[in-house]
Protein backbone atom coordinates (compact mmCIF):
# COMPACT_ATOMS: atom_id res chain seq x y z
CA MET A 1 46.07 192.28 161.61
CA THR A 2 44.58 190.58 164.48
CA THR A 3 43.67 191.76 167.96
CA SER A 4 43.44 189.97 171.14
CA LEU A 5 40.46 190.34 173.07
CA ARG A 6 39.45 188.98 176.78
CA LEU A 7 35.80 188.39 176.40
CA LEU A 8 33.02 187.44 179.02
CA ILE A 9 30.22 185.35 177.33
CA ILE A 10 26.92 185.02 179.55
CA GLU A 11 25.03 182.47 177.35
CA ASP A 12 23.57 178.84 178.59
CA ALA A 13 23.89 177.52 175.04
CA GLU A 14 27.68 176.67 174.20
CA ASP A 15 26.83 176.42 170.58
CA ASP A 16 25.68 180.24 170.30
CA ALA A 17 28.34 181.34 172.40
CA LEU A 18 31.03 179.36 169.71
CA LEU A 19 29.25 180.98 166.97
CA LEU A 20 29.64 184.25 168.56
CA VAL A 21 33.33 183.66 168.86
CA ARG A 22 33.73 182.35 165.15
CA GLU A 23 32.16 185.62 163.81
CA LEU A 24 34.50 187.78 166.12
CA ARG A 25 37.43 185.80 164.86
CA LYS A 26 36.01 186.49 161.20
CA GLY A 27 36.32 190.02 162.00
CA GLY A 28 39.84 190.03 163.20
CA TYR A 29 39.67 189.28 166.71
CA VAL A 30 41.55 186.48 168.78
CA PRO A 31 39.06 185.99 171.50
CA ASP A 32 40.26 184.46 174.90
CA PHE A 33 36.71 183.88 176.54
CA VAL A 34 35.07 182.35 179.44
CA ARG A 35 31.64 181.45 179.36
CA VAL A 36 29.31 181.44 182.19
CA GLU A 37 25.41 181.06 182.88
CA THR A 38 24.47 181.50 186.75
CA PRO A 39 24.67 184.59 188.75
CA GLN A 40 27.28 182.92 191.09
CA GLU A 41 29.58 182.02 187.90
CA LEU A 42 29.47 185.93 186.63
CA LYS A 43 30.42 187.12 189.94
CA SER A 44 33.29 184.60 190.16
CA ALA A 45 34.21 185.63 186.71
CA LEU A 46 34.08 189.22 187.53
CA GLU A 47 36.37 188.90 190.28
CA ASP A 48 38.80 187.26 187.80
CA GLY A 49 38.80 190.40 185.52
CA PRO A 50 39.63 192.51 183.89
CA TRP A 51 37.78 191.75 180.76
CA ASP A 52 37.79 193.77 177.49
CA ALA A 53 33.88 193.22 176.64
CA VAL A 54 31.03 191.41 177.86
CA PHE A 55 28.57 189.56 175.50
CA SER A 56 24.95 188.29 177.42
CA ASP A 57 21.93 186.56 176.27
CA TYR A 58 18.75 187.97 177.67
CA ASN A 59 16.77 184.76 178.51
CA LEU A 60 18.90 182.74 181.15
CA PRO A 61 17.48 179.95 183.31
CA ALA A 62 18.96 181.57 186.22
CA PHE A 63 18.51 185.14 185.95
CA THR A 64 18.03 187.81 183.05
CA GLY A 65 20.31 189.74 180.87
CA LEU A 66 19.38 192.83 182.83
CA ASP A 67 20.18 191.12 185.96
CA ALA A 68 23.75 190.58 184.42
CA LEU A 69 23.98 193.97 183.40
CA ARG A 70 23.26 195.60 186.81
CA MET A 71 25.98 192.65 188.28
CA VAL A 72 28.49 193.85 185.56
CA ARG A 73 27.77 197.83 186.17
CA GLU A 74 28.37 197.16 189.86
CA ARG A 75 32.12 196.20 189.03
CA GLY A 76 32.90 199.28 186.60
CA ASP A 77 31.96 200.72 183.41
CA LEU A 78 32.89 197.50 180.83
CA PRO A 79 31.37 197.33 177.38
CA PHE A 80 28.24 195.25 177.57
CA ILE A 81 26.37 194.10 174.48
CA LEU A 82 23.09 192.05 174.80
CA VAL A 83 22.57 189.17 172.17
CA SER A 84 19.50 187.55 172.00
CA GLY A 85 16.69 185.95 170.00
CA VAL A 86 13.57 187.21 171.74
CA MET A 87 14.13 190.30 173.00
CA GLY A 88 11.29 192.95 172.24
CA GLU A 89 12.13 196.50 171.42
CA GLU A 90 10.89 197.84 174.68
CA THR A 91 13.17 195.51 176.52
CA ALA A 92 16.20 196.74 174.08
CA VAL A 93 15.51 200.33 175.26
CA GLU A 94 15.22 199.14 178.59
CA ALA A 95 18.52 197.58 178.50
CA LEU A 96 20.00 200.82 176.74
CA LYS A 97 18.90 203.08 179.37
CA ALA A 98 20.37 200.78 182.03
CA GLY A 99 23.63 201.14 180.30
CA ALA A 100 24.13 198.42 177.68
CA HIS A 101 26.13 199.80 174.69
CA ASP A 102 24.00 197.81 172.02
CA TYR A 103 22.21 194.80 171.41
CA LEU A 104 21.94 192.26 168.54
CA MET A 105 19.58 189.54 167.60
CA LYS A 106 21.25 185.93 167.41
CA GLY A 107 22.16 184.74 163.75
CA ARG A 108 22.26 188.36 162.75
CA TYR A 109 25.69 189.33 163.13
CA ALA A 110 26.36 191.64 160.51
CA ARG A 111 26.63 194.49 163.03
CA LEU A 112 28.57 192.18 165.62
CA VAL A 113 32.23 193.89 164.85
CA SER A 114 31.23 197.36 164.29
CA ALA A 115 29.32 197.32 167.58
CA LEU A 116 31.98 195.69 169.58
CA GLU A 117 34.39 198.28 168.20
CA ARG A 118 31.88 201.31 168.78
CA ALA A 119 31.49 199.98 172.48
CA LEU A 120 35.36 199.54 173.00
CA LYS A 121 35.85 203.15 171.72
CA ASP A 122 33.08 204.37 173.71
CA ALA A 123 34.47 202.96 176.72
CA ALA A 124 38.13 204.02 176.11
CA LEU A 125 36.73 207.58 175.63
CA ARG A 126 34.70 207.53 178.86
CA HIS A 127 37.66 206.11 180.83
CA GLU A 128 40.12 209.17 179.44
CA ARG A 129 37.55 211.72 180.09
CA ARG A 130 37.42 210.23 183.91
CA GLN A 131 41.32 210.56 184.05
CA THR A 132 41.09 214.16 182.82
CA ALA A 133 38.23 214.93 185.13
CA GLU A 134 40.29 213.41 188.00
CA GLU A 135 43.33 215.02 186.97
CA LEU A 136 41.51 218.58 187.07
CA THR A 137 40.03 217.72 190.24
CA ARG A 138 43.52 217.02 191.80
CA HIS A 139 45.20 220.31 190.19
CA ARG A 140 42.30 222.35 191.13
CA GLU A 141 42.48 220.86 194.94
CA HIS A 142 46.18 221.40 195.04
CA LEU A 143 45.51 225.29 193.77
CA GLU A 144 42.88 225.59 196.39
CA GLU A 145 45.64 224.46 199.14
CA LEU A 146 47.94 226.72 197.65
CA VAL A 147 45.47 229.54 197.78
CA GLN A 148 44.55 228.76 201.33
CA GLN A 149 48.00 228.48 202.26
CA ARG A 150 49.21 231.78 200.37
CA THR A 151 46.02 233.46 202.17
CA GLU A 152 47.33 232.48 205.74
CA GLU A 153 50.53 233.92 204.60
CA LEU A 154 49.08 237.04 203.31
CA GLU A 155 46.91 237.25 206.50
CA ALA A 156 49.98 236.96 208.92
CA ALA A 157 51.86 239.16 206.79
CA ASN A 158 49.06 241.97 207.12
CA GLU A 159 48.81 241.49 210.78
CA GLU A 160 52.56 242.01 210.99
CA LEU A 161 52.15 245.18 208.64
CA GLN A 162 49.84 246.62 210.89
CA VAL A 163 52.13 246.36 214.00
CA GLN A 164 55.20 247.45 212.21
CA SER A 165 52.98 250.55 210.76
CA GLU A 166 52.05 251.50 214.49
CA GLU A 167 55.89 251.09 215.16
CA LEU A 168 56.93 253.54 212.26
CA GLN A 169 55.45 256.57 214.14
CA VAL A 170 58.62 256.06 216.60
CA GLN A 171 60.75 254.23 214.56
CA SER A 172 61.09 255.80 211.12
CA VAL A 173 64.40 253.62 210.49
CA GLU A 174 62.48 250.56 209.65
CA LEU A 175 60.50 251.94 206.59
CA GLN A 176 62.60 250.52 204.32
CA ALA A 177 62.35 247.09 205.60
CA GLN A 178 58.49 247.46 205.70
CA SER A 179 58.69 248.37 202.03
CA LYS A 180 60.79 245.55 201.13
CA GLU A 181 57.98 243.14 203.01
CA LEU A 182 55.48 244.84 200.92
CA GLU A 183 56.99 243.97 197.69
CA ARG A 184 57.42 240.23 198.66
CA VAL A 185 53.74 240.33 199.52
CA ASN A 186 52.79 241.86 196.02
CA THR A 187 54.99 239.65 194.22
CA GLU A 188 53.41 236.51 195.70
CA LEU A 189 50.14 237.78 194.95
CA ALA A 190 51.38 238.26 191.26
CA SER A 191 52.34 234.70 191.21
CA HIS A 192 49.06 233.34 192.47
CA ALA A 193 47.37 235.54 189.89
CA ALA A 194 49.35 233.82 187.36
CA GLU A 195 48.71 230.23 188.41
CA LEU A 196 44.73 231.18 188.62
CA GLU A 197 44.80 232.11 184.88
CA ALA A 198 46.81 229.02 184.17
CA ALA A 199 43.91 226.84 185.93
CA ASN A 200 41.24 229.22 183.91
CA VAL A 201 42.89 228.25 180.53
CA GLU A 202 43.04 224.64 181.43
CA LEU A 203 39.23 224.75 182.42
CA GLU A 204 38.30 226.27 179.09
CA ALA A 205 40.28 223.86 177.25
CA PHE A 206 38.54 220.94 179.21
CA ASN A 207 35.22 222.53 178.42
CA TYR A 208 35.90 222.71 174.81
CA THR A 209 37.13 219.20 174.52
CA VAL A 210 34.21 217.58 176.52
CA SER A 211 31.83 219.60 174.17
CA HIS A 212 33.64 218.25 170.97
CA ASP A 213 33.26 214.63 172.66
CA LEU A 214 29.47 215.13 173.27
CA ARG A 215 29.00 215.63 169.35
CA GLY A 216 29.53 211.85 168.73
CA PRO A 217 27.23 210.21 171.05
CA LEU A 218 24.41 213.03 169.97
CA THR A 219 24.99 212.17 166.13
CA ILE A 220 24.45 208.50 167.04
CA ILE A 221 21.24 209.36 168.88
CA ASN A 222 19.98 211.42 166.13
CA GLY A 223 20.94 208.53 163.61
CA TYR A 224 18.92 205.82 165.48
CA CYS A 225 16.10 208.16 166.06
CA GLU A 226 15.72 208.63 162.32
CA VAL A 227 16.40 204.98 161.63
CA LEU A 228 13.17 204.06 163.98
CA ARG A 229 11.06 206.94 162.38
CA VAL A 230 11.83 205.47 158.77
CA LEU A 231 12.13 201.70 159.33
CA ARG A 232 9.78 200.98 162.49
CA ASN A 233 7.48 203.85 162.26
CA ASP A 234 4.52 201.72 161.44
CA ARG A 235 5.10 199.39 164.46
CA LEU A 236 5.44 202.17 166.64
CA ASP A 237 2.36 203.05 168.99
CA GLU A 238 1.49 206.57 169.77
CA GLU A 239 3.02 206.59 173.01
CA SER A 240 6.24 205.47 171.64
CA LYS A 241 6.50 207.93 169.07
CA GLY A 242 6.05 210.76 171.53
CA TYR A 243 8.92 209.07 173.39
CA LEU A 244 10.95 209.27 170.02
CA GLU A 245 9.98 212.92 169.20
CA GLU A 246 11.13 213.82 173.08
CA ILE A 247 14.35 212.10 172.52
CA ALA A 248 15.42 213.83 169.38
CA SER A 249 14.17 217.11 170.62
CA GLY A 250 16.44 217.02 173.61
CA SER A 251 19.23 215.82 171.52
CA LEU A 252 18.79 218.91 169.17
CA LYS A 253 18.83 221.18 172.45
CA MET A 254 21.67 219.33 174.02
CA GLY A 255 23.47 220.24 170.47
CA GLY A 256 22.44 223.65 170.57
CA LEU A 257 23.53 224.31 174.06
CA ILE A 258 27.14 222.33 172.92
CA ASP A 259 27.40 224.75 169.91
CA THR A 260 26.64 227.62 172.45
CA LEU A 261 29.33 226.51 174.65
CA LEU A 262 31.86 226.10 171.88
CA ARG A 263 31.09 229.70 170.89
CA PHE A 264 31.57 230.73 174.35
CA SER A 265 34.89 229.02 174.71
CA ARG A 266 36.17 230.35 171.46
CA LEU A 267 35.76 234.25 172.67
CA SER A 268 38.79 234.03 175.08
CA HIS A 269 40.90 233.17 172.13
CA ALA A 270 39.47 235.22 169.40
CA ASN A 271 41.87 237.74 167.78
CA ILE A 272 40.54 241.23 167.96
CA LYS A 273 40.60 242.65 164.37
CA GLU A 274 40.49 246.34 165.10
CA GLU A 275 38.47 248.38 162.63
CA ALA A 276 36.09 251.44 162.48
CA VAL A 277 32.32 249.81 162.99
CA ASP A 278 29.19 251.25 162.32
CA LEU A 279 27.20 250.45 165.17
CA SER A 280 24.18 251.86 164.18
CA ARG A 281 24.00 249.97 160.90
CA LEU A 282 24.61 246.82 162.59
CA ALA A 283 21.77 247.53 165.15
CA GLY A 284 19.52 248.40 162.32
CA GLU A 285 20.33 245.24 160.68
CA ILE A 286 19.69 243.00 163.72
CA ALA A 287 16.36 245.12 164.29
CA ASN A 288 15.20 244.35 160.85
CA ASP A 289 16.29 240.52 161.24
CA LEU A 290 14.09 240.28 164.62
CA ARG A 291 11.20 241.83 162.84
CA MET A 292 11.37 239.41 160.20
CA THR A 293 10.77 236.60 162.81
CA GLU A 294 7.53 237.96 164.17
CA PRO A 295 6.08 240.40 161.31
CA ARG A 296 3.03 240.76 163.00
CA ARG A 297 4.20 242.02 166.06
CA ALA A 298 3.47 245.69 167.31
CA ALA A 299 7.39 246.76 167.79
CA THR A 300 8.78 250.10 167.92
CA VAL A 301 12.99 249.74 167.58
CA THR A 302 14.43 253.31 167.82
CA VAL A 303 18.22 253.07 166.66
CA ALA A 304 20.23 256.69 167.11
CA PRO A 305 22.11 257.26 163.62
CA GLY A 306 25.73 257.68 163.59
CA LEU A 307 26.86 255.63 166.40
CA LYS A 308 30.60 254.25 165.59
CA ALA A 309 33.30 252.78 167.25
CA SER A 310 36.57 251.25 167.12
CA GLY A 311 36.90 247.04 167.35
CA ASP A 312 36.05 243.75 165.92
CA ARG A 313 33.11 243.96 163.62
CA GLU A 314 32.13 240.53 164.14
CA LEU A 315 32.42 240.08 167.90
CA LEU A 316 30.74 243.79 168.10
CA ARG A 317 27.88 242.53 166.14
CA LEU A 318 27.51 239.08 168.28
CA ALA A 319 27.48 241.53 171.25
CA LEU A 320 24.77 243.60 169.69
CA GLU A 321 22.77 240.69 168.67
CA ASN A 322 22.58 239.24 172.19
CA LEU A 323 21.55 242.70 173.75
CA LEU A 324 18.72 243.68 171.11
CA GLY A 325 17.94 239.69 171.28
CA ASN A 326 17.40 239.71 174.89
CA ALA A 327 15.50 243.26 174.77
CA TRP A 328 12.99 241.53 171.84
CA LYS A 329 12.66 238.27 174.12
CA TYR A 330 11.83 239.78 177.30
CA THR A 331 9.20 242.41 175.54
CA GLY A 332 7.33 239.38 173.71
CA ASN A 333 4.24 239.48 176.33
CA LEU A 334 3.75 243.07 175.97
CA ASP A 335 0.66 244.82 173.62
CA GLU A 336 3.56 247.03 172.34
CA THR A 337 7.29 246.49 172.18
CA ARG A 338 9.45 249.44 172.70
CA ILE A 339 13.45 248.91 172.16
CA GLU A 340 16.01 251.67 171.71
CA PHE A 341 19.54 251.65 171.15
CA GLY A 342 21.64 254.91 171.81
CA VAL A 343 24.57 256.40 173.49
CA THR A 344 24.88 258.53 176.41
CA GLU A 345 28.00 260.12 178.85
CA HIS A 346 29.22 258.02 181.82
CA GLY A 347 32.21 259.38 183.73
CA GLY A 348 32.96 261.86 180.88
CA LYS A 349 33.20 259.18 178.25
CA PRO A 350 30.35 257.66 175.89
CA ALA A 351 28.21 254.66 176.86
CA PHE A 352 26.18 252.86 174.49
CA PHE A 353 22.84 251.36 175.67
CA VAL A 354 19.91 248.98 174.99
CA ARG A 355 16.67 250.11 176.61
CA ASP A 356 13.49 247.98 176.66
CA ASN A 357 10.12 248.11 178.40
CA GLY A 358 10.10 244.50 179.07
CA GLU A 359 10.23 242.30 182.15
CA GLY A 360 13.15 244.15 183.82
CA PHE A 361 14.84 242.80 187.23
CA ASP A 362 15.58 243.45 190.72
CA MET A 363 19.03 245.32 190.99
CA ALA A 364 19.43 243.03 193.94
CA ASP A 365 20.50 240.61 191.30
CA ALA A 366 22.25 242.60 188.87
CA GLU A 367 25.70 240.80 189.29
CA LYS A 368 23.93 237.58 188.58
CA LEU A 369 22.98 238.75 184.75
CA PHE A 370 26.47 238.17 183.59
CA VAL A 371 27.10 234.89 185.28
CA PRO A 372 26.80 231.93 182.65
CA PHE A 373 23.60 229.83 183.07
CA GLN A 374 22.07 231.97 185.67
CA ARG A 375 18.47 232.93 184.90
CA LEU A 376 16.37 235.54 186.45
CA HIS A 377 13.05 234.46 184.45
CA ASP A 378 11.33 231.03 184.19
CA ALA A 379 13.49 229.14 181.34
CA GLY A 380 9.80 227.67 180.53
CA GLU A 381 8.43 231.44 179.46
CA PHE A 382 11.68 232.53 177.89
CA LYS A 383 13.68 230.30 175.99
CA GLY A 384 17.58 230.31 175.94
CA HIS A 385 20.68 228.77 177.26
CA GLY A 386 21.41 231.41 180.00
CA ILE A 387 25.21 232.68 178.20
CA GLY A 388 23.81 235.71 176.27
CA LEU A 389 24.64 238.41 178.45
CA ALA A 390 27.98 236.34 179.56
CA THR A 391 28.88 236.44 175.87
CA VAL A 392 28.54 240.22 175.88
CA GLN A 393 30.63 240.80 179.15
CA ARG A 394 33.41 238.51 177.62
CA ILE A 395 33.29 240.59 173.95
CA ILE A 396 33.05 243.94 175.78
CA GLN A 397 36.11 242.98 178.02
CA ARG A 398 38.11 241.82 175.48
CA HIS A 399 37.89 245.11 173.81
CA GLY A 400 39.31 246.66 177.22
CA GLY A 401 35.40 248.21 177.89
CA ARG A 402 33.00 247.52 180.50
CA VAL A 403 29.40 246.24 180.77
CA TRP A 404 26.47 246.69 183.30
CA ALA A 405 22.89 246.86 183.65
CA GLU A 406 20.06 248.60 185.28
CA GLY A 407 16.40 247.86 185.57
CA LYS A 408 13.11 247.41 187.83
CA PRO A 409 10.93 244.55 187.69
CA GLY A 410 7.96 245.05 185.25
CA GLU A 411 9.50 248.38 184.09
CA GLY A 412 12.12 247.44 181.67
CA ALA A 413 15.80 246.88 181.50
CA THR A 414 18.98 249.12 180.04
CA PHE A 415 22.22 247.62 179.52
CA TYR A 416 25.43 249.76 179.06
CA PHE A 417 28.63 249.12 177.64
CA THR A 418 31.84 251.44 176.80
CA LEU A 419 34.32 250.65 174.33
CA PRO A 420 37.95 252.40 174.18
């Protein structure tokens, strides 16, 4: 099976261009190509698009492959692959950072077809993501317009209700009409709430999809880093090795953030498996795990015995892991750590709590604690993704409970939660 391909080749040597086309034909493609070798010719050819992909030599008489890449990027996100016989590794890295999809050495075309297919697939995925993002943006703007319209209608209705309420003192016969008006307003509010709920579901689905799509590029980045370590390690200077380590480290951190996002997204759809849960036992196991991470740390973790509740065992474990893990993290700079898990009474009902003697927080910022990616302390001093407490809140709310916090700067914090 063959595939048609409209190809733009930036090359001053016609034989090299023909060799490239011949290799693509061997790989099952039928290229319809145009060869250019000056900036003017390239500009004219881009105006005659569209093109499926662009191949460019690096050293050209009139300009360089990086110049060509910038001109192509001004016209859109076309798959762009550099092909050169003299391009060094630093130049190749610079080209990849500037937006090139790949680079090949002339005459070494074993990866030519796979590089093209990967670039085409990557461009298609980005195009699809852009379309999805644009569609969601349009949907959100439409919803915002509806919200504004409904708000104005409700404000007008409320003004009318106020006037009518004053008139009811002398015109009690209008009471029935006013009641019907209130029912209409409530119906509109319920409809609006349903629309917002649907929008939230779509946004969570989009977050889940994007997180999954990010795994592919991260896998490629990690793979190339490992290849460079194994095959080119002796040719890299210390500065380059440092850059490589930073790339790999950043990729791993990004992977961890994606995993966190995926877990957070799944919480909205996870089934609650009701069963009797021994919270004291879970807290004790988590405390032992924390001690194993720093066996020399002076830490006292007190767990009240016999604390039980009804809920999903795994989700409640995750909530306790985040609460106790937070307490452990924010007491890490103290000479002696004190953490307590217990229960108290709030509003006539039991409220479980995790208390520590750590960094604490200003109560003016209490509402920010449970917002995803909101951090009240320096991320360099206390590591994390900023989504742990948001996860706790979502789990407790899924169980029909409530979570809140109290604290003072430098005097520790206490996190409370209730379960039905």
